[in-house]
Amino acid sequence: MVDTVSVPQATDPFAKTPGWLDWNTNPSRPRFALPPGAVDAHCHVFGPGAQFPYAPERKYTPCDAPKEKLFALRDFLGLDKNVIVQATCHGSDNRALVDALRAAKNRARGVATVNRNVSDAELRDLHAAGVRGTRFNFVKRLADFTPREVLLEIAHRIAPLGWHVVVYFEAQDLPELYDFFTALPTTVVVDHMGRPDVSKPVDGSQFELFVKMMREHDNIWSKVSCPERLSISGPPARGGEQNAYRDVIPFAKRLVDTFPDRVLWGTDWPHPNLKDHMPDDGSLVDFIPHIATTPELQRKLLVDNPMRLYWDMSDDEEAFEDIPGTTLFNGTQSRQGYYLNMFCMSLMKDENRKAFKGDEAAYLETFPMSDAQRDAGAALARTEEAEPARGRQRRQWPP
C-alpha cells in the first residue's frame, strides 16, 4: 500500500485543525478474506480543498482525502464498492461527493446533505449521480441545529426518489429523538449503532432502547461501524492487532445476530475528528468476523444488505442493451409511473375531477411525478374533461 498513497495534506488556504490526526498511509493487508462484492458502506472524501473548498460554516478543517486515495484503499483491502457519505466539513455543497461518484461509475453510491431550498432538478441530478440518501446530523459539536419540521419536510421531499435518511446522534439523546426517528417516512439508517456507551451493559437500558426501536420499526437499520470511536478499553486497531476493540464487540454482534438483514459495515475512512489514535484500516476489516461470525452473516452484512439498499439491478443501464427496443426502468422511473397511473385513476371519481379543475397545480403536486409526466397527465385530463362521457365510459372499472 505504501506506493499507492502519500502523506495527507490540507490544501491552502485551508490549514488543518490543530491536533488533526491524518489517515493511515500504510495499512496492513487484512487476514480476513472479504466475500466477493463486499461494500464499504460508510466512508468519506475530503476535498481536495483547492478544487472543492470546505464550507465556511464547518466545525473542523480536515486534511485532504480525495477520491483517488479512497479507491486505492478499497482495492487494497479487497472491497468492491463504496458508499460515500457527505462530510459536515463540506456542508450542503455536494460537489466533491458527486465528483467521486461519477469517477467510480457503478462502484459507488452516495449519501448527500441537502437543505430545504434544494430544487427538484437538483435532487434528480444527485440521484442520477448515484445519491441514494441524505444525512441528518444531531451531534451538536459537528453540526448546527436544524428544526425538526425542516428535516421532516426534506424527508418527504426525498421519499418519492426511494432515498433513505441517515441519522447521526449520540445514545444519550435517543429518548428525545425517538419519536422523530420513528415518524420519518423513509428507511432510516443509524450511524455507528447510535454511539452507545460501551461501558454500560449490552442489555442495559440505554442500548435496550435502541434495540427496541429497531425491533418495533422494521424500516430502521444500523451501521455496526466505528468501533474506534466507541471503544474505551481497546485495544486499538493498529500494529496488526487481531482482537481490537473488544468492548464494542458485544454491542455490534447483538445487532448483527438480531437484525441480520438490516445491518451495514463501513471503514469510516479517513476517520475524521479522532483524538486518541488513527486505526489501521486492515485491522478494522479483521474486526468483522468477531461481530459477524458465520459466512452467511458476513455476506448479509457486507454484500446483500448494502446491495439491496443502495444498488438495484434495474439501475444497471447495460443489463438489456443486447435486446434492441427494450426499455429498462430504474426505481425512480417505476415510482413515477406508478404515481402517474394513480393520478389517472383518481380522476374516475367526480370529487377528484372537481378538485383537479379547481386547482390543477395543487392537485398534481400530490402525485410525485416528473415534470413531463405532470404535463402529460394534465393534458390528458383536460382532453377527458372536454369529452367526459366518452372518456369515463372508456375507463369504467371493473368492466
Protein backbone atom coordinates (compact mmCIF):
# COMPACT_ATOMS: atom_id res chain seq x y z
CA MET A 1 0.00 0.00 0.00
CA VAL A 2 2.96 2.32 0.56
CA ASP A 3 3.39 3.00 -3.15
CA THR A 4 -0.28 3.97 -3.66
CA VAL A 5 -0.58 6.70 -1.04
CA SER A 6 1.24 9.83 0.03
CA VAL A 7 1.27 11.84 3.23
CA PRO A 8 -2.07 13.65 3.63
CA GLN A 9 -2.09 17.40 3.26
CA ALA A 10 -4.54 20.23 3.74
CA THR A 11 -4.73 22.48 0.72
CA ASP A 12 -4.08 26.18 1.31
CA PRO A 13 -5.81 28.31 2.41
CA PHE A 14 -7.37 25.51 4.45
CA ALA A 15 -4.98 24.84 7.33
CA LYS A 16 -5.84 21.67 9.24
CA THR A 17 -7.48 21.93 12.62
CA PRO A 18 -4.70 21.83 15.27
CA GLY A 19 -4.10 18.29 16.51
CA TRP A 20 -5.77 16.73 13.48
CA LEU A 21 -4.90 13.05 13.04
CA ASP A 22 -4.19 12.12 9.43
CA TRP A 23 -5.37 8.85 7.95
CA ASN A 24 -3.04 5.85 7.98
CA THR A 25 -0.88 5.84 4.84
CA ASN A 26 0.40 2.29 5.38
CA PRO A 27 -2.45 -0.02 6.39
CA SER A 28 -1.86 -3.73 6.86
CA ARG A 29 -3.37 -6.23 4.49
CA PRO A 30 -6.37 -7.88 6.19
CA ARG A 31 -6.18 -11.51 7.23
CA PHE A 32 -9.95 -11.85 6.91
CA ALA A 33 -10.93 -12.62 3.32
CA LEU A 34 -13.90 -10.43 2.43
CA PRO A 35 -16.69 -12.10 0.43
CA PRO A 36 -16.81 -11.17 -3.27
CA GLY A 37 -18.74 -7.95 -3.81
CA ALA A 38 -18.12 -6.59 -0.29
CA VAL A 39 -19.18 -2.97 0.24
CA ASP A 40 -17.63 -0.31 2.48
CA ALA A 41 -20.96 1.30 3.38
CA HIS A 42 -19.60 4.31 5.29
CA CYS A 43 -16.66 6.38 4.11
CA HIS A 44 -15.94 9.97 3.07
CA VAL A 45 -13.99 12.15 0.68
CA PHE A 46 -12.47 15.48 1.75
CA GLY A 47 -11.65 17.99 -0.97
CA PRO A 48 -9.07 18.45 -2.22
CA GLY A 49 -9.72 21.90 -0.85
CA ALA A 50 -8.20 23.68 -3.85
CA GLN A 51 -10.80 22.03 -6.09
CA PHE A 52 -13.72 21.56 -3.69
CA PRO A 53 -13.48 24.21 -0.96
CA TYR A 54 -14.52 23.38 2.56
CA ALA A 55 -17.69 25.03 3.84
CA PRO A 56 -17.36 28.38 5.63
CA GLU A 57 -19.64 27.11 8.41
CA ARG A 58 -17.57 23.94 9.05
CA LYS A 59 -16.68 22.94 12.60
CA TYR A 60 -13.32 21.48 11.59
CA THR A 61 -10.81 21.58 8.73
CA PRO A 62 -9.50 18.16 7.70
CA CYS A 63 -6.54 17.04 5.67
CA ASP A 64 -7.38 16.37 2.05
CA ALA A 65 -8.67 12.85 1.45
CA PRO A 66 -9.50 12.70 -2.26
CA LYS A 67 -11.34 10.01 -4.18
CA GLU A 68 -8.17 8.51 -5.64
CA LYS A 69 -6.90 7.58 -2.17
CA LEU A 70 -10.29 6.14 -1.18
CA PHE A 71 -10.42 3.96 -4.28
CA ALA A 72 -6.82 2.79 -3.74
CA LEU A 73 -7.73 1.73 -0.20
CA ARG A 74 -10.86 -0.03 -1.48
CA ASP A 75 -8.81 -2.14 -3.86
CA PHE A 76 -6.04 -2.82 -1.33
CA LEU A 77 -8.43 -4.10 1.33
CA GLY A 78 -10.30 -6.33 -1.13
CA LEU A 79 -13.53 -4.35 -1.19
CA ASP A 80 -15.64 -4.00 -4.32
CA LYS A 81 -17.74 -0.88 -3.73
CA ASN A 82 -18.13 2.20 -1.54
CA VAL A 83 -20.98 4.20 -0.07
CA ILE A 84 -19.61 7.72 0.29
CA VAL A 85 -21.26 9.86 2.96
CA GLN A 86 -21.16 13.64 2.68
CA ALA A 87 -18.94 15.02 5.43
CA THR A 88 -20.01 18.02 7.51
CA CYS A 89 -16.85 19.91 6.54
CA HIS A 90 -18.39 20.30 3.05
CA GLY A 91 -21.82 21.38 4.33
CA SER A 92 -24.51 21.02 1.68
CA ASP A 93 -22.05 21.55 -1.19
CA ASN A 94 -22.05 18.02 -2.61
CA ARG A 95 -19.64 18.64 -5.49
CA ALA A 96 -16.78 16.55 -4.07
CA LEU A 97 -19.20 13.70 -3.40
CA VAL A 98 -20.73 13.84 -6.88
CA ASP A 99 -17.27 14.00 -8.47
CA ALA A 100 -16.26 10.83 -6.64
CA LEU A 101 -19.48 9.02 -7.56
CA ARG A 102 -19.12 9.83 -11.23
CA ALA A 103 -15.49 8.72 -11.22
CA ALA A 104 -16.41 5.42 -9.56
CA LYS A 105 -19.19 4.78 -12.08
CA ASN A 106 -21.35 1.96 -10.69
CA ARG A 107 -18.92 1.09 -7.90
CA ALA A 108 -20.09 3.81 -5.52
CA ARG A 109 -23.28 5.27 -4.16
CA GLY A 110 -23.67 8.39 -2.07
CA VAL A 111 -25.44 9.97 0.89
CA ALA A 112 -25.76 13.73 0.39
CA THR A 113 -26.55 16.67 2.61
CA VAL A 114 -29.42 18.79 1.30
CA ASN A 115 -31.30 21.76 2.71
CA ARG A 116 -34.93 22.75 2.34
CA ASN A 117 -34.14 25.03 -0.61
CA VAL A 118 -32.90 22.20 -2.82
CA SER A 119 -34.82 22.09 -6.09
CA ASP A 120 -36.43 19.03 -7.65
CA ALA A 121 -33.97 19.32 -10.53
CA GLU A 122 -31.02 19.27 -8.11
CA LEU A 123 -32.42 16.19 -6.38
CA ARG A 124 -32.81 14.45 -9.74
CA ASP A 125 -29.22 15.35 -10.66
CA LEU A 126 -27.96 13.94 -7.36
CA HIS A 127 -29.93 10.76 -7.92
CA ALA A 128 -28.53 10.39 -11.43
CA ALA A 129 -25.02 10.72 -9.99
CA GLY A 130 -25.67 7.85 -7.57
CA VAL A 131 -27.00 9.50 -4.40
CA ARG A 132 -29.49 7.33 -2.55
CA GLY A 133 -29.93 9.11 0.78
CA THR A 134 -29.49 12.24 2.85
CA ARG A 135 -27.93 12.62 6.29
CA PHE A 136 -29.33 14.37 9.36
CA ASN A 137 -26.64 15.15 11.94
CA PHE A 138 -27.71 15.62 15.57
CA VAL A 139 -24.20 15.66 17.07
CA LYS A 140 -24.04 19.22 18.35
CA ARG A 141 -20.26 19.56 18.17
CA LEU A 142 -20.35 18.73 14.44
CA ALA A 143 -23.44 20.45 13.04
CA ASP A 144 -25.68 23.42 13.71
CA PHE A 145 -29.22 22.83 14.89
CA THR A 146 -31.91 22.42 12.22
CA PRO A 147 -35.59 22.48 13.25
CA ARG A 148 -37.19 19.07 13.04
CA GLU A 149 -40.05 20.34 10.92
CA VAL A 150 -37.47 21.34 8.30
CA LEU A 151 -35.87 17.88 8.42
CA LEU A 152 -39.27 16.23 8.13
CA GLU A 153 -40.03 18.41 5.10
CA ILE A 154 -36.77 17.28 3.49
CA ALA A 155 -37.57 13.63 4.26
CA HIS A 156 -40.91 13.94 2.48
CA ARG A 157 -39.16 15.59 -0.49
CA ILE A 158 -36.71 12.72 -0.94
CA ALA A 159 -39.11 9.85 -0.22
CA PRO A 160 -40.50 9.64 -3.78
CA LEU A 161 -36.96 9.10 -5.05
CA GLY A 162 -36.68 5.98 -2.91
CA TRP A 163 -33.93 7.58 -0.83
CA HIS A 164 -33.39 6.88 2.85
CA VAL A 165 -32.38 9.09 5.76
CA VAL A 166 -29.11 8.52 7.63
CA VAL A 167 -29.14 9.80 11.22
CA TYR A 168 -26.10 10.50 13.38
CA PHE A 169 -26.65 11.04 17.08
CA GLU A 170 -25.32 10.07 20.50
CA ALA A 171 -27.00 7.49 22.70
CA GLN A 172 -27.94 9.88 25.49
CA ASP A 173 -30.03 11.88 23.00
CA LEU A 174 -32.11 8.95 21.72
CA PRO A 175 -35.01 9.36 24.21
CA GLU A 176 -35.53 12.90 22.93
CA LEU A 177 -35.19 11.90 19.26
CA TYR A 178 -37.05 8.56 19.35
CA ASP A 179 -40.46 9.82 18.22
CA PHE A 180 -38.94 11.89 15.42
CA PHE A 181 -36.93 8.97 14.04
CA THR A 182 -39.87 6.58 14.12
CA ALA A 183 -42.10 9.11 12.32
CA LEU A 184 -39.79 9.52 9.30
CA PRO A 185 -41.45 8.34 6.04
CA THR A 186 -38.39 6.54 4.69
CA THR A 187 -35.93 3.83 5.58
CA VAL A 188 -33.75 5.19 8.40
CA VAL A 189 -30.11 4.16 8.75
CA VAL A 190 -28.42 4.87 12.09
CA ASP A 191 -24.73 5.68 12.05
CA HIS A 192 -22.43 3.72 14.36
CA MET A 193 -25.16 1.96 16.41
CA GLY A 194 -26.28 5.31 17.80
CA ARG A 195 -22.91 5.72 19.56
CA PRO A 196 -23.65 3.60 22.66
CA ASP A 197 -21.69 3.99 25.88
CA VAL A 198 -19.91 0.63 25.79
CA SER A 199 -19.01 0.89 29.47
CA LYS A 200 -22.69 0.18 30.15
CA PRO A 201 -24.20 -3.33 29.86
CA VAL A 202 -25.13 -4.52 26.38
CA ASP A 203 -28.54 -5.45 27.82
CA GLY A 204 -28.80 -2.26 29.87
CA SER A 205 -31.49 0.37 29.48
CA GLN A 206 -29.53 2.66 27.16
CA PHE A 207 -28.75 0.14 24.42
CA GLU A 208 -32.02 -1.68 25.02
CA LEU A 209 -33.91 1.43 23.89
CA PHE A 210 -32.02 1.36 20.59
CA VAL A 211 -32.69 -2.36 20.13
CA LYS A 212 -36.37 -1.73 20.90
CA MET A 213 -36.51 0.94 18.19
CA MET A 214 -35.09 -1.47 15.63
CA ARG A 215 -37.29 -4.35 16.79
CA GLU A 216 -40.52 -2.36 16.60
CA HIS A 217 -39.74 -0.46 13.38
CA ASP A 218 -38.54 -2.61 10.52
CA ASN A 219 -37.63 0.44 8.41
CA ILE A 220 -34.76 1.23 10.79
CA TRP A 221 -31.28 -0.11 10.00
CA SER A 222 -27.93 0.30 11.75
CA LYS A 223 -24.29 0.55 10.77
CA VAL A 224 -22.10 -1.57 13.03
CA SER A 225 -19.17 0.68 12.27
CA CYS A 226 -16.63 2.90 14.04
CA PRO A 227 -15.53 0.75 16.99
CA GLU A 228 -12.52 3.09 17.19
CA ARG A 229 -14.90 5.90 18.18
CA LEU A 230 -16.79 3.86 20.75
CA SER A 231 -14.13 1.77 22.47
CA ILE A 232 -12.93 2.68 25.95
CA SER A 233 -10.64 -0.20 26.81
CA GLY A 234 -9.47 -1.16 23.31
CA PRO A 235 -7.02 -2.47 22.36
CA PRO A 236 -6.73 -0.19 19.33
CA ALA A 237 -6.65 -1.49 15.77
CA ARG A 238 -3.03 -0.89 14.90
CA GLY A 239 0.16 -2.86 14.62
CA GLY A 240 -1.69 -5.86 13.21
CA GLU A 241 -3.91 -6.25 16.29
CA GLN A 242 -6.33 -9.14 15.67
CA ASN A 243 -8.60 -8.62 18.68
CA ALA A 244 -9.20 -4.90 18.61
CA TYR A 245 -11.96 -3.01 20.45
CA ARG A 246 -13.18 -5.99 22.45
CA ASP A 247 -15.56 -3.86 24.49
CA VAL A 248 -17.51 -2.92 21.33
CA ILE A 249 -17.92 -6.47 20.04
CA PRO A 250 -20.95 -7.46 22.19
CA PHE A 251 -22.94 -4.44 21.01
CA ALA A 252 -22.21 -4.90 17.30
CA LYS A 253 -22.62 -8.68 17.48
CA ARG A 254 -26.02 -8.34 19.15
CA LEU A 255 -27.31 -6.19 16.28
CA VAL A 256 -25.87 -8.48 13.59
CA ASP A 257 -27.36 -11.56 15.24
CA THR A 258 -30.75 -9.96 15.94
CA PHE A 259 -31.24 -7.95 12.75
CA PRO A 260 -29.08 -9.71 10.14
CA ASP A 261 -30.99 -8.18 7.21
CA ARG A 262 -30.74 -4.57 8.44
CA VAL A 263 -27.09 -4.02 9.31
CA LEU A 264 -24.24 -2.43 7.35
CA TRP A 265 -20.50 -2.07 7.90
CA GLY A 266 -18.03 0.62 6.85
CA THR A 267 -14.46 1.77 7.46
CA ASP A 268 -15.32 5.44 8.15
CA TRP A 269 -12.16 6.33 6.19
CA PRO A 270 -10.48 8.84 6.56
CA HIS A 271 -11.68 8.74 10.18
CA PRO A 272 -12.39 12.42 10.85
CA ASN A 273 -12.04 14.03 14.27
CA LEU A 274 -10.35 11.18 16.10
CA LYS A 275 -8.40 12.37 19.14
CA ASP A 276 -6.66 9.30 20.55
CA HIS A 277 -5.28 7.22 17.70
CA MET A 278 -5.66 6.55 13.98
CA PRO A 279 -6.72 2.95 13.27
CA ASP A 280 -5.18 0.58 10.78
CA ASP A 281 -7.88 0.01 8.15
CA GLY A 282 -6.67 -3.56 7.60
CA SER A 283 -7.23 -4.31 11.28
CA LEU A 284 -10.71 -2.78 11.04
CA VAL A 285 -11.53 -5.35 8.36
CA ASP A 286 -10.25 -8.05 10.72
CA PHE A 287 -12.80 -6.82 13.29
CA ILE A 288 -15.65 -8.10 11.08
CA PRO A 289 -15.54 -11.85 11.87
CA HIS A 290 -15.80 -11.03 15.58
CA ILE A 291 -19.22 -9.44 15.06
CA ALA A 292 -20.50 -11.44 12.07
CA THR A 293 -19.43 -14.93 12.99
CA THR A 294 -20.70 -17.04 10.09
CA PRO A 295 -20.25 -16.81 6.32
CA GLU A 296 -23.99 -16.21 5.95
CA LEU A 297 -23.97 -13.27 8.38
CA GLN A 298 -20.85 -11.87 6.76
CA ARG A 299 -22.40 -11.98 3.30
CA LYS A 300 -25.57 -10.25 4.51
CA LEU A 301 -23.63 -7.55 6.33
CA LEU A 302 -21.13 -6.85 3.56
CA VAL A 303 -22.90 -7.71 0.30
CA ASP A 304 -26.62 -8.47 0.37
CA ASN A 305 -27.79 -5.65 2.64
CA PRO A 306 -25.85 -2.77 1.05
CA MET A 307 -26.68 -4.01 -2.42
CA ARG A 308 -30.38 -4.13 -1.56
CA LEU A 309 -30.33 -0.63 -0.06
CA TYR A 310 -28.01 1.19 -2.47
CA TRP A 311 -27.93 -0.79 -5.70
CA ASP A 312 -30.70 -2.31 -7.72
CA MET A 313 -30.37 -4.49 -10.80
CA SER A 314 -32.73 -2.05 -12.51
CA ASP A 315 -30.05 0.62 -12.09
CA ASP A 316 -27.78 -1.27 -14.47
CA GLU A 317 -28.32 0.51 -17.77
CA GLU A 318 -26.37 -2.14 -19.67
CA ALA A 319 -28.41 -5.10 -18.43
CA PHE A 320 -30.51 -5.45 -21.60
CA GLU A 321 -28.52 -3.45 -24.14
CA ASP A 322 -28.27 -6.56 -26.29
CA ILE A 323 -32.06 -6.58 -26.79
CA PRO A 324 -32.94 -3.72 -29.16
CA GLY A 325 -36.04 -1.77 -28.26
CA THR A 326 -36.05 -2.86 -24.61
CA THR A 327 -36.64 -0.08 -22.08
CA LEU A 328 -35.34 -0.80 -18.59
CA PHE A 329 -36.90 1.34 -15.86
CA ASN A 330 -34.94 2.22 -12.75
CA GLY A 331 -36.54 2.57 -9.32
CA THR A 332 -37.30 6.27 -9.70
CA GLN A 333 -38.95 5.85 -13.09
CA SER A 334 -41.04 2.95 -11.78
CA ARG A 335 -42.27 5.04 -8.85
CA GLN A 336 -43.11 7.97 -11.12
CA GLY A 337 -45.00 5.64 -13.46
CA TYR A 338 -46.94 4.28 -10.51
CA TYR A 339 -47.97 7.79 -9.42
CA LEU A 340 -48.93 8.76 -12.99
CA ASN A 341 -51.21 5.74 -13.06
CA MET A 342 -52.66 6.66 -9.66
CA PHE A 343 -53.30 10.22 -10.88
CA CYS A 344 -55.20 8.97 -13.93
CA MET A 345 -57.24 6.51 -11.87
CA SER A 346 -58.08 9.18 -9.30
CA LEU A 347 -59.92 11.19 -11.95
CA MET A 348 -62.52 8.45 -12.25
CA LYS A 349 -64.13 9.99 -9.14
CA ASP A 350 -66.28 13.11 -9.56
CA GLU A 351 -64.90 14.82 -6.45
CA ASN A 352 -61.32 14.37 -7.68
CA ARG A 353 -62.15 15.78 -11.12
CA LYS A 354 -63.68 18.83 -9.40
CA ALA A 355 -60.56 19.25 -7.23
CA PHE A 356 -58.31 18.99 -10.29
CA LYS A 357 -60.39 21.52 -12.22
CA GLY A 358 -60.37 23.90 -9.23
CA ASP A 359 -56.54 23.94 -8.84
CA GLU A 360 -54.59 21.83 -11.31
CA ALA A 361 -51.16 22.63 -9.88
CA ALA A 362 -52.12 21.84 -6.28
CA TYR A 363 -53.79 18.58 -7.27
CA LEU A 364 -50.83 17.45 -9.37
CA GLU A 365 -48.41 18.18 -6.51
CA THR A 366 -49.99 15.37 -4.51
CA PHE A 367 -48.53 12.87 -7.01
CA PRO A 368 -44.67 12.69 -7.07
CA MET A 369 -44.14 12.65 -10.83
CA SER A 370 -41.63 14.16 -13.22
CA ASP A 371 -42.47 17.50 -14.83
CA ALA A 372 -43.04 15.77 -18.17
CA GLN A 373 -45.46 13.31 -16.58
CA ARG A 374 -47.38 16.12 -14.86
CA ASP A 375 -47.72 17.95 -18.18
CA ALA A 376 -48.85 14.82 -19.98
CA GLY A 377 -51.27 13.85 -17.22
CA ALA A 378 -52.81 17.33 -17.12
CA ALA A 379 -53.19 17.40 -20.90
CA LEU A 380 -54.92 14.00 -20.85
CA ALA A 381 -57.23 15.10 -18.04
CA ARG A 382 -58.22 18.26 -19.94
CA THR A 383 -58.98 16.15 -23.02
CA GLU A 384 -61.16 13.87 -20.96
CA GLU A 385 -62.89 16.88 -19.41
CA ALA A 386 -63.78 18.09 -22.88
CA GLU A 387 -65.35 14.71 -23.68
CA PRO A 388 -66.34 13.47 -20.19
CA ALA A 389 -68.94 10.85 -21.07
CA ARG A 390 -66.84 9.11 -23.71
CA GLY A 391 -63.74 9.29 -21.52
CA ARG A 392 -65.37 7.89 -18.40
CA GLN A 393 -67.11 5.14 -20.32
CA ARG A 394 -63.81 4.04 -21.79
CA ARG A 395 -62.27 3.83 -18.31
CA GLN A 396 -65.02 2.14 -16.32
CA TRP A 397 -63.60 -0.36 -13.83
CA PRO A 398 -64.45 -3.07 -13.15
CA PRO A 399 -65.81 -3.71 -16.65
